[in-house]
Protein backbone atom coordinates (compact mmCIF):
# COMPACT_ATOMS: atom_id res chain seq x y z
CA UNK A 1 -49.52 31.17 -113.61
CA UNK A 2 -50.46 34.46 -114.86
CA UNK A 3 -49.23 37.96 -113.66
CA UNK A 4 -52.80 38.94 -112.86
CA UNK A 5 -53.39 36.08 -110.74
CA UNK A 6 -50.31 36.13 -108.81
CA UNK A 7 -51.04 39.97 -108.16
CA UNK A 8 -54.73 39.27 -106.95
CA UNK A 9 -53.18 36.47 -104.79
CA UNK A 10 -50.75 38.59 -103.30
CA UNK A 11 -53.25 41.35 -102.63
CA UNK A 12 -55.88 38.68 -101.00
CA UNK A 13 -52.59 37.33 -98.71
CA UNK A 14 -52.09 40.87 -97.77
CA UNK A 15 -55.33 42.05 -96.85
CA UNK A 16 -55.48 39.14 -94.11
CA UNK A 17 -53.82 40.77 -91.45
CA UNK A 18 -54.45 37.86 -88.99
CA UNK A 19 -53.05 35.46 -91.63
CA UNK A 20 -55.14 33.49 -94.07
CA UNK A 21 -55.15 29.83 -95.32
CA UNK A 22 -54.49 28.45 -98.72
CA UNK A 23 -58.55 27.79 -99.24
CA UNK A 24 -59.32 31.28 -97.93
CA UNK A 25 -56.88 32.76 -100.46
CA UNK A 26 -58.28 30.65 -103.31
CA UNK A 27 -61.68 31.04 -102.56
CA UNK A 28 -61.43 34.96 -102.22
CA UNK A 29 -59.15 35.23 -105.35
CA UNK A 30 -61.13 33.26 -107.48
CA UNK A 31 -58.03 30.67 -108.53
CA UNK A 32 -57.58 27.12 -107.68
CA UNK A 33 -55.95 25.81 -104.73
CA UNK A 34 -53.33 24.32 -107.00
CA UNK A 35 -51.99 27.86 -108.23
CA UNK A 36 -52.14 29.45 -104.11
CA UNK A 37 -50.39 26.52 -103.10
CA UNK A 38 -47.37 26.50 -105.65
CA UNK A 39 -47.12 30.61 -105.56
CA UNK A 40 -47.46 30.14 -102.02
CA UNK A 41 -44.57 27.67 -101.91
CA UNK A 42 -42.89 30.08 -103.74
CA UNK A 43 -43.35 32.99 -101.37
CA UNK A 44 -42.39 31.03 -98.54
CA UNK A 45 -38.82 30.19 -99.91
CA UNK A 46 -38.85 33.90 -100.95
CA UNK A 47 -39.15 34.89 -97.71
CA UNK A 48 -42.01 36.64 -98.33
CA UNK A 49 -44.47 34.23 -96.13
CA UNK A 50 -44.11 32.14 -93.35
CA UNK A 51 -46.02 29.37 -91.79
CA UNK A 52 -47.95 30.81 -88.74
CA UNK A 53 -49.70 27.65 -87.55
CA UNK A 54 -50.44 23.83 -89.18
CA UNK A 55 -53.25 21.88 -88.65
CA UNK A 56 -52.83 18.98 -86.83
CA UNK A 57 -55.61 16.85 -89.39
CA UNK A 58 -52.60 16.95 -92.02
CA UNK A 59 -54.03 18.75 -94.37
CA UNK A 60 -52.02 21.43 -95.74
CA UNK A 61 -54.20 23.52 -97.21
CA UNK A 62 -55.60 24.39 -93.72
CA UNK A 63 -52.38 25.64 -92.43
CA UNK A 64 -52.39 28.95 -91.36
CA UNK A 65 -49.42 31.72 -93.11
CA UNK A 66 -48.31 35.06 -92.16
CA UNK A 67 -46.59 37.65 -94.46
CA UNK A 68 -43.27 38.35 -93.37
CA UNK A 69 -42.33 41.07 -95.85
CA UNK A 70 -44.47 44.00 -97.22
CA UNK A 71 -43.08 44.69 -100.05
CA UNK A 72 -44.02 42.84 -103.25
CA UNK A 73 -42.63 40.15 -104.71
CA UNK A 74 -40.92 40.26 -108.21
CA UNK A 75 -42.82 38.45 -110.05
CA UNK A 76 -40.45 37.70 -112.75
CA UNK A 77 -38.28 36.01 -110.37
CA UNK A 78 -40.81 34.05 -108.46
CA UNK A 79 -42.61 33.07 -112.00
CA UNK A 80 -42.46 33.65 -116.16
CA UNK A 81 -45.43 34.58 -117.77
CA UNK A 82 -46.37 36.56 -120.76
CA UNK A 83 -47.47 39.95 -120.31
CA UNK A 84 -51.06 39.97 -120.40
CA UNK A 85 -53.70 42.76 -122.15
CA UNK A 86 -54.13 44.48 -118.71
CA UNK A 87 -50.44 44.90 -118.54
CA UNK A 88 -50.08 46.38 -121.86
CA UNK A 89 -52.92 48.63 -121.57
CA UNK A 90 -52.01 50.01 -118.11
CA UNK A 91 -48.42 50.43 -120.12
CA UNK A 92 -50.15 52.05 -123.43
CA UNK A 93 -52.07 54.69 -120.49
CA UNK A 94 -49.12 55.43 -118.48
CA UNK A 95 -47.40 56.42 -121.42
CA UNK A 96 -50.16 58.50 -123.36
CA UNK A 97 -51.83 60.30 -119.78
CA UNK A 98 -54.86 61.03 -122.28
CA UNK A 99 -56.36 58.43 -124.92
CA UNK A 100 -59.01 56.78 -126.58
CA UNK A 101 -60.20 53.28 -126.47
CA UNK A 102 -59.01 53.24 -129.54
CA UNK A 103 -55.97 54.92 -129.08
CA UNK A 104 -54.69 52.47 -126.60
CA UNK A 105 -56.10 49.48 -128.70
CA UNK A 106 -54.43 50.39 -131.64
CA UNK A 107 -51.29 50.41 -130.23
CA UNK A 108 -51.55 47.57 -128.22
CA UNK A 109 -52.70 45.11 -130.71
CA UNK A 110 -55.90 44.24 -129.04
CA UNK A 111 -59.67 44.39 -130.01
CA UNK A 112 -61.79 47.77 -128.63
CA UNK A 113 -63.95 45.94 -126.39
CA UNK A 114 -61.16 44.21 -124.37
CA UNK A 115 -59.80 47.77 -123.86
CA UNK A 116 -63.18 49.26 -123.07
CA UNK A 117 -63.58 46.99 -120.25
CA UNK A 118 -60.59 47.22 -118.65
CA UNK A 119 -60.92 51.30 -118.43
CA UNK A 120 -64.39 51.03 -117.60
CA UNK A 121 -63.24 49.25 -114.45
CA UNK A 122 -60.16 51.82 -114.01
CA UNK A 123 -62.96 54.36 -113.81
CA UNK A 124 -65.44 52.92 -111.57
CA UNK A 125 -62.31 52.99 -109.21
CA UNK A 126 -61.26 56.13 -109.86
CA UNK A 127 -57.93 55.70 -111.78
CA UNK A 128 -58.99 57.00 -115.24
CA UNK A 129 -61.56 59.87 -115.68
CA UNK A 130 -63.36 60.77 -119.10
CA UNK A 131 -61.50 64.05 -119.95
CA UNK A 132 -63.25 64.92 -123.24
CA UNK A 133 -66.68 63.18 -124.16
CA UNK A 134 -67.66 63.55 -128.15
CA UNK A 135 -71.23 62.07 -127.92
CA UNK A 136 -71.44 62.14 -131.60
CA UNK A 137 -75.05 63.34 -131.56
CA UNK A 138 -76.41 59.60 -130.86
CA UNK A 139 -74.94 58.69 -134.31
CA UNK A 140 -71.47 56.12 -134.72
CA UNK A 141 -68.46 57.44 -134.11
CA UNK A 142 -69.29 58.89 -130.50
CA UNK A 143 -66.17 58.31 -128.06
CA UNK A 144 -64.57 59.47 -124.36
CA UNK A 145 -61.57 60.87 -124.43
CA UNK A 146 -60.15 59.32 -121.23
CA UNK A 147 -57.30 61.05 -118.74
CA UNK A 148 -55.00 58.66 -116.15
CA UNK A 149 -55.45 60.03 -112.98
CA UNK A 150 -53.88 57.48 -110.75
CA UNK A 151 -51.00 56.84 -112.01
CA UNK A 152 -49.51 54.66 -108.83
CA UNK A 153 -46.44 52.51 -110.53
CA UNK A 154 -45.34 50.33 -113.49
CA UNK A 155 -47.96 47.15 -112.43
CA UNK A 156 -51.28 47.19 -113.51
CA UNK A 157 -53.97 47.31 -110.97
CA UNK A 158 -56.35 44.36 -110.60
CA UNK A 159 -60.26 44.86 -110.46
CA UNK A 160 -61.95 42.34 -108.54
CA UNK A 161 -65.53 42.04 -109.36
CA UNK A 162 -66.92 43.55 -105.79
CA UNK A 163 -65.87 47.28 -107.10
CA UNK A 164 -62.55 47.37 -105.59
CA UNK A 165 -59.03 47.33 -106.89
CA UNK A 166 -55.66 46.24 -106.01
CA UNK A 167 -53.34 48.36 -106.57
CA UNK A 168 -50.11 45.93 -106.94
CA UNK A 169 -47.46 48.96 -106.45
CA UNK A 170 -48.90 50.03 -103.87
CA UNK A 171 -50.20 46.81 -101.92
CA UNK A 172 -53.86 48.33 -101.30
CA UNK A 173 -57.08 47.55 -102.21
CA UNK A 174 -58.86 50.67 -103.14
CA UNK A 175 -62.70 51.21 -104.82
CA UNK A 176 -65.90 49.07 -103.45
CA UNK A 177 -69.18 50.39 -102.10
CA UNK A 178 -67.83 52.97 -100.04
CA UNK A 179 -65.05 53.97 -102.05
CA UNK A 180 -62.34 53.91 -99.77
CA UNK A 181 -58.77 52.67 -99.31
CA UNK A 182 -59.28 49.05 -98.05
CA UNK A 183 -55.82 47.85 -96.45
CA UNK A 184 -57.01 48.73 -93.06
CA UNK A 185 -56.88 46.31 -89.88
CA UNK A 186 -59.86 44.29 -91.11
CA UNK A 187 -59.78 40.99 -92.90
């Protein structure tokens, strides 16, 4: 299980104030039920999650669970995974503070397109802003210098397809259409 998927699953679980099922978390996170179930089993064993109510039909994916600890689980203890591209990009942005996509791609050993996609997603949820724009007069060589404006900690934000980002350091959702913090008491 990759850290990014686990962070996303944890974020969806935290967003569900009234509890959740494996099926609900799988649907909202985009992860398969098997991955959610395996992670949930580890979270239960570590005391982060508890069974809130079992369904009588015997289908464990319909069992309802609740978060019991609000501190984020230590993923190193729960799962082993190689550091992913987003974690490398995030760590490098935190070190540089002001950077170009090329700078980050070079130090991370990643393609500029990969870095650019993640930086643009973070820009949409206000983690980074354009600091200096060199448009290059419409010629090749145009670039932006970005500045990290929301450094919340060592774990990289997970940007979702709906325009929100889950901040693994704060256990909160940010962004979306209204741009608000989405860790309110809604489902």
